[in-house]
Protein backbone atom coordinates (compact mmCIF):
# COMPACT_ATOMS: atom_id res chain seq x y z
CA UNK A 1 24.47 10.76 -45.00
CA UNK A 2 27.62 12.48 -46.17
CA UNK A 3 26.08 15.97 -45.91
CA UNK A 4 28.26 18.23 -43.79
CA UNK A 5 25.28 19.62 -41.85
CA UNK A 6 23.95 16.17 -40.98
CA UNK A 7 27.39 15.05 -39.83
CA UNK A 8 27.85 18.29 -37.90
CA UNK A 9 24.56 17.64 -36.10
CA UNK A 10 25.59 14.04 -35.38
CA UNK A 11 28.81 15.30 -33.81
CA UNK A 12 26.89 17.79 -31.68
CA UNK A 13 24.36 15.20 -30.47
CA UNK A 14 27.15 12.72 -29.74
CA UNK A 15 29.01 15.43 -27.85
CA UNK A 16 25.89 16.20 -25.79
CA UNK A 17 25.40 12.52 -24.87
CA UNK A 18 29.07 12.22 -23.88
CA UNK A 19 28.77 15.46 -21.89
CA UNK A 20 25.94 13.91 -19.87
CA UNK A 21 27.91 10.66 -19.45
CA UNK A 22 31.05 12.46 -18.30
CA UNK A 23 28.89 14.70 -16.12
CA UNK A 24 27.39 11.66 -14.38
CA UNK A 25 30.93 10.52 -13.56
CA UNK A 26 31.76 14.00 -12.24
CA UNK A 27 28.70 13.70 -9.98
CA UNK A 28 30.06 10.43 -8.57
CA UNK A 29 33.43 12.13 -7.94
CA UNK A 30 31.94 15.21 -6.26
CA UNK A 31 29.47 13.17 -4.18
CA UNK A 32 32.33 11.03 -2.85
CA UNK A 33 34.39 14.15 -2.05
CA UNK A 34 31.44 15.89 -0.32
CA UNK A 35 32.68 14.72 3.08
CA UNK A 36 36.01 13.30 4.29
CA UNK A 37 36.34 9.50 4.39
CA UNK A 38 34.65 6.81 2.29
CA UNK A 39 30.93 7.27 1.61
CA UNK A 40 29.68 5.99 -1.70
CA UNK A 41 32.27 4.22 -3.87
CA UNK A 42 35.46 2.25 -3.42
CA UNK A 43 38.77 4.06 -4.06
CA UNK A 44 39.45 1.96 -7.18
CA UNK A 45 36.07 2.86 -8.68
CA UNK A 46 36.64 6.50 -7.76
CA UNK A 47 39.94 6.39 -9.69
CA UNK A 48 38.21 4.79 -12.66
CA UNK A 49 35.60 7.55 -12.63
CA UNK A 50 38.35 10.20 -12.55
CA UNK A 51 40.18 8.64 -15.50
CA UNK A 52 37.18 8.01 -17.73
CA UNK A 53 35.54 11.34 -16.83
CA UNK A 54 38.63 13.19 -18.08
CA UNK A 55 38.89 11.21 -21.30
CA UNK A 56 35.18 11.45 -22.07
CA UNK A 57 35.05 15.19 -21.45
CA UNK A 58 38.14 15.95 -23.57
CA UNK A 59 37.76 13.46 -26.43
CA UNK A 60 34.01 12.83 -26.24
CA UNK A 61 32.43 16.17 -25.31
CA UNK A 62 34.73 19.11 -26.10
CA UNK A 63 36.43 17.92 -29.29
CA UNK A 64 33.39 16.49 -31.12
CA UNK A 65 31.44 19.66 -30.22
CA UNK A 66 34.01 21.87 -31.96
CA UNK A 67 34.37 19.41 -34.84
CA UNK A 68 30.60 19.47 -35.23
CA UNK A 69 30.63 23.28 -35.39
CA UNK A 70 33.47 23.12 -37.93
CA UNK A 71 31.50 20.70 -40.10
CA UNK A 72 28.44 22.91 -39.95
CA UNK A 73 30.05 26.29 -40.41
CA UNK A 74 33.26 26.06 -42.43
CA UNK A 75 31.69 25.09 -45.80
CA UNK A 76 29.06 27.83 -45.41
CA UNK A 77 31.63 30.44 -44.33
CA UNK A 78 33.95 29.84 -47.29
CA UNK A 79 31.20 29.26 -49.87
CA UNK A 80 31.80 25.54 -50.39
CA UNK A 81 29.08 23.02 -51.19
CA UNK A 82 30.29 20.47 -48.64
CA UNK A 83 33.47 19.32 -46.93
CA UNK A 84 36.18 18.25 -49.37
CA UNK A 85 36.11 14.59 -48.30
CA UNK A 86 32.50 13.82 -47.33
CA UNK A 87 32.81 10.04 -47.05
CA UNK A 88 35.89 10.33 -44.81
CA UNK A 89 33.92 12.91 -42.83
CA UNK A 90 31.20 10.32 -42.29
CA UNK A 91 33.71 7.67 -41.25
CA UNK A 92 35.58 9.94 -38.85
CA UNK A 93 32.31 10.48 -37.00
CA UNK A 94 31.02 6.91 -36.99
CA UNK A 95 34.13 5.35 -35.49
CA UNK A 96 33.68 7.55 -32.39
CA UNK A 97 30.64 5.79 -30.86
CA UNK A 98 32.55 2.51 -31.11
CA UNK A 99 35.65 4.00 -29.46
CA UNK A 100 33.65 5.29 -26.52
CA UNK A 101 31.60 2.11 -26.21
CA UNK A 102 34.92 0.28 -25.92
CA UNK A 103 36.26 2.77 -23.37
CA UNK A 104 33.12 2.49 -21.24
CA UNK A 105 32.94 -1.30 -21.55
CA UNK A 106 36.43 -1.49 -20.01
CA UNK A 107 34.79 -0.46 -16.72
CA UNK A 108 33.03 -3.85 -16.64
CA UNK A 109 36.16 -5.94 -17.22
CA UNK A 110 37.75 -8.09 -14.56
CA UNK A 111 40.02 -5.83 -12.51
CA UNK A 112 37.99 -2.81 -13.55
CA UNK A 113 38.61 -0.06 -16.06
CA UNK A 114 41.52 2.33 -16.39
CA UNK A 115 42.21 3.69 -12.90
CA UNK A 116 45.32 5.80 -13.34
CA UNK A 117 43.99 9.32 -13.98
CA UNK A 118 43.26 10.90 -17.36
CA UNK A 119 46.95 11.74 -17.88
CA UNK A 120 47.81 8.01 -17.47
CA UNK A 121 51.31 8.58 -16.14
CA UNK A 122 53.72 5.65 -16.07
CA UNK A 123 54.22 3.58 -13.92
CA UNK A 124 50.55 3.85 -12.86
CA UNK A 125 49.42 3.07 -16.40
CA UNK A 126 52.04 0.34 -16.96
CA UNK A 127 53.21 -1.58 -13.88
CA UNK A 128 50.15 -1.00 -11.69
CA UNK A 129 47.30 -0.88 -14.20
CA UNK A 130 44.50 -3.43 -14.85
CA UNK A 131 44.36 -5.56 -18.01
CA UNK A 132 41.65 -3.32 -19.44
CA UNK A 133 44.51 -0.91 -20.29
CA UNK A 134 44.69 -2.67 -23.68
CA UNK A 135 41.08 -1.69 -24.45
CA UNK A 136 41.71 1.84 -23.21
CA UNK A 137 44.74 2.20 -25.53
CA UNK A 138 42.78 0.91 -28.53
CA UNK A 139 39.97 3.38 -27.80
CA UNK A 140 42.50 6.25 -27.67
CA UNK A 141 43.95 5.15 -31.03
CA UNK A 142 40.51 5.24 -32.64
CA UNK A 143 39.74 8.70 -31.18
CA UNK A 144 43.08 9.92 -32.55
CA UNK A 145 42.39 8.50 -36.01
CA UNK A 146 39.01 10.25 -36.00
CA UNK A 147 40.60 13.57 -34.99
CA UNK A 148 43.31 13.35 -37.64
CA UNK A 149 40.84 12.52 -40.41
CA UNK A 150 38.64 15.41 -39.33
CA UNK A 151 41.65 17.75 -39.34
CA UNK A 152 42.82 16.61 -42.79
CA UNK A 153 39.29 17.23 -44.06
CA UNK A 154 39.23 20.75 -42.63
CA UNK A 155 42.60 21.68 -44.18
CA UNK A 156 41.75 20.30 -47.63
CA UNK A 157 38.36 22.03 -47.54
CA UNK A 158 39.76 25.44 -46.58
CA UNK A 159 42.66 25.28 -49.04
CA UNK A 160 40.76 23.93 -52.06
CA UNK A 161 37.07 24.80 -51.81
CA UNK A 162 36.98 28.55 -51.14
CA UNK A 163 34.52 30.39 -53.40
CA UNK A 164 35.98 32.77 -56.05
CA UNK A 165 37.02 36.01 -54.33
CA UNK A 166 37.27 34.39 -50.88
CA UNK A 167 40.95 35.22 -50.40
CA UNK A 168 42.99 34.16 -47.36
CA UNK A 169 42.63 37.62 -45.84
CA UNK A 170 38.84 37.51 -46.19
CA UNK A 171 38.44 34.20 -44.33
CA UNK A 172 36.37 34.53 -41.15
CA UNK A 173 38.38 34.19 -37.94
CA UNK A 174 36.57 30.94 -37.08
CA UNK A 175 37.91 29.38 -40.28
CA UNK A 176 41.44 30.62 -39.55
CA UNK A 177 41.36 29.24 -36.01
CA UNK A 178 40.19 25.87 -37.30
CA UNK A 179 42.88 25.80 -39.97
CA UNK A 180 45.56 26.30 -37.30
CA UNK A 181 43.86 23.81 -34.96
CA UNK A 182 43.75 21.21 -37.73
CA UNK A 183 47.49 21.50 -38.37
CA UNK A 184 48.14 21.20 -34.63
CA UNK A 185 45.93 18.10 -34.40
CA UNK A 186 47.80 16.39 -37.23
CA UNK A 187 51.08 17.25 -35.50
CA UNK A 188 50.19 16.03 -32.01
CA UNK A 189 47.78 13.10 -32.44
CA UNK A 190 50.51 10.70 -33.68
CA UNK A 191 52.57 11.69 -30.62
CA UNK A 192 49.73 10.61 -28.32
CA UNK A 193 49.41 7.40 -30.35
CA UNK A 194 53.13 6.77 -29.84
CA UNK A 195 52.87 7.44 -26.10
CA UNK A 196 49.96 5.04 -25.55
CA UNK A 197 51.60 2.39 -27.75
CA UNK A 198 54.70 2.60 -25.55
CA UNK A 199 52.44 2.20 -22.51
CA UNK A 200 50.91 -0.85 -24.18
CA UNK A 201 54.24 -2.52 -24.97
CA UNK A 202 55.61 -1.67 -21.51
CA UNK A 203 52.63 -3.36 -19.91
CA UNK A 204 52.12 -6.39 -22.14
CA UNK A 205 55.28 -6.99 -24.20
CA UNK A 206 58.16 -6.52 -21.77
CA UNK A 207 59.62 -3.26 -23.12
CA UNK A 208 60.88 -0.67 -20.65
CA UNK A 209 60.39 2.74 -22.21
CA UNK A 210 59.24 4.13 -18.87
CA UNK A 211 60.81 1.61 -16.49
CA UNK A 212 64.06 2.71 -14.83
CA UNK A 213 65.08 -0.91 -14.12
CA UNK A 214 65.28 -1.54 -17.89
CA UNK A 215 66.98 1.76 -18.71
CA UNK A 216 63.77 3.69 -19.34
CA UNK A 217 62.58 6.98 -17.88
CA UNK A 218 59.14 7.65 -16.36
CA UNK A 219 59.63 11.39 -16.83
CA UNK A 220 59.91 10.75 -20.58
CA UNK A 221 56.26 9.74 -20.50
CA UNK A 222 55.34 13.16 -19.16
CA UNK A 223 57.39 14.91 -21.83
CA UNK A 224 55.78 12.91 -24.64
CA UNK A 225 52.29 13.21 -23.18
CA UNK A 226 52.47 16.99 -22.73
CA UNK A 227 54.00 17.44 -26.16
CA UNK A 228 50.60 16.16 -27.23
CA UNK A 229 48.64 17.72 -24.38
CA UNK A 230 49.40 21.40 -24.62
CA UNK A 231 48.81 21.92 -28.35
CA UNK A 232 45.70 19.76 -27.97
CA UNK A 233 44.28 22.10 -25.31
């Protein structure tokens, strides 16, 4: 379907499933931390849970939930028949299950999944990370593409499909907040893509963006990542 309500519902169901998945990981984390010392899982698996829990909750639960609400409500609030780009809307949802399948499948790779925390700071994500980092980076790229397409769709819909008489100053606050959010997403998602691509080339292709020995700077990773991270939040 390309109907905005159907896609909105798909986003919300997907978000709910991811919420349960991320919640299960949080349960592993909290159960391990219930008492001092090792009880249930190995430290490496604990770190994998921490990393994937963060990514799933941010990119898999929170963001698709709000995107689902935007898909449902924005056309109705501004008097539009549908989103401006319904087929792109469909695509931006359907690439998400594949991204998260890939992210979760990295947990079963040799050496385990991403184990460097959801902020994936260098050098933990470059020098000391498992080979599944490549899969993790690809999954992040696909999530980012989905977010940017969703944001483009929101902007074009709000700018072009308002009903006659629905002036800018009559837009509901929800629509205004989403318009601003969409611009922010388009601004910061490519920055995250750049950051994870630099992680990828540092790990697999011998660059040293974040490696002091090659003239790089690990603190630069933090600057780039939080240039994405704060507007995203």
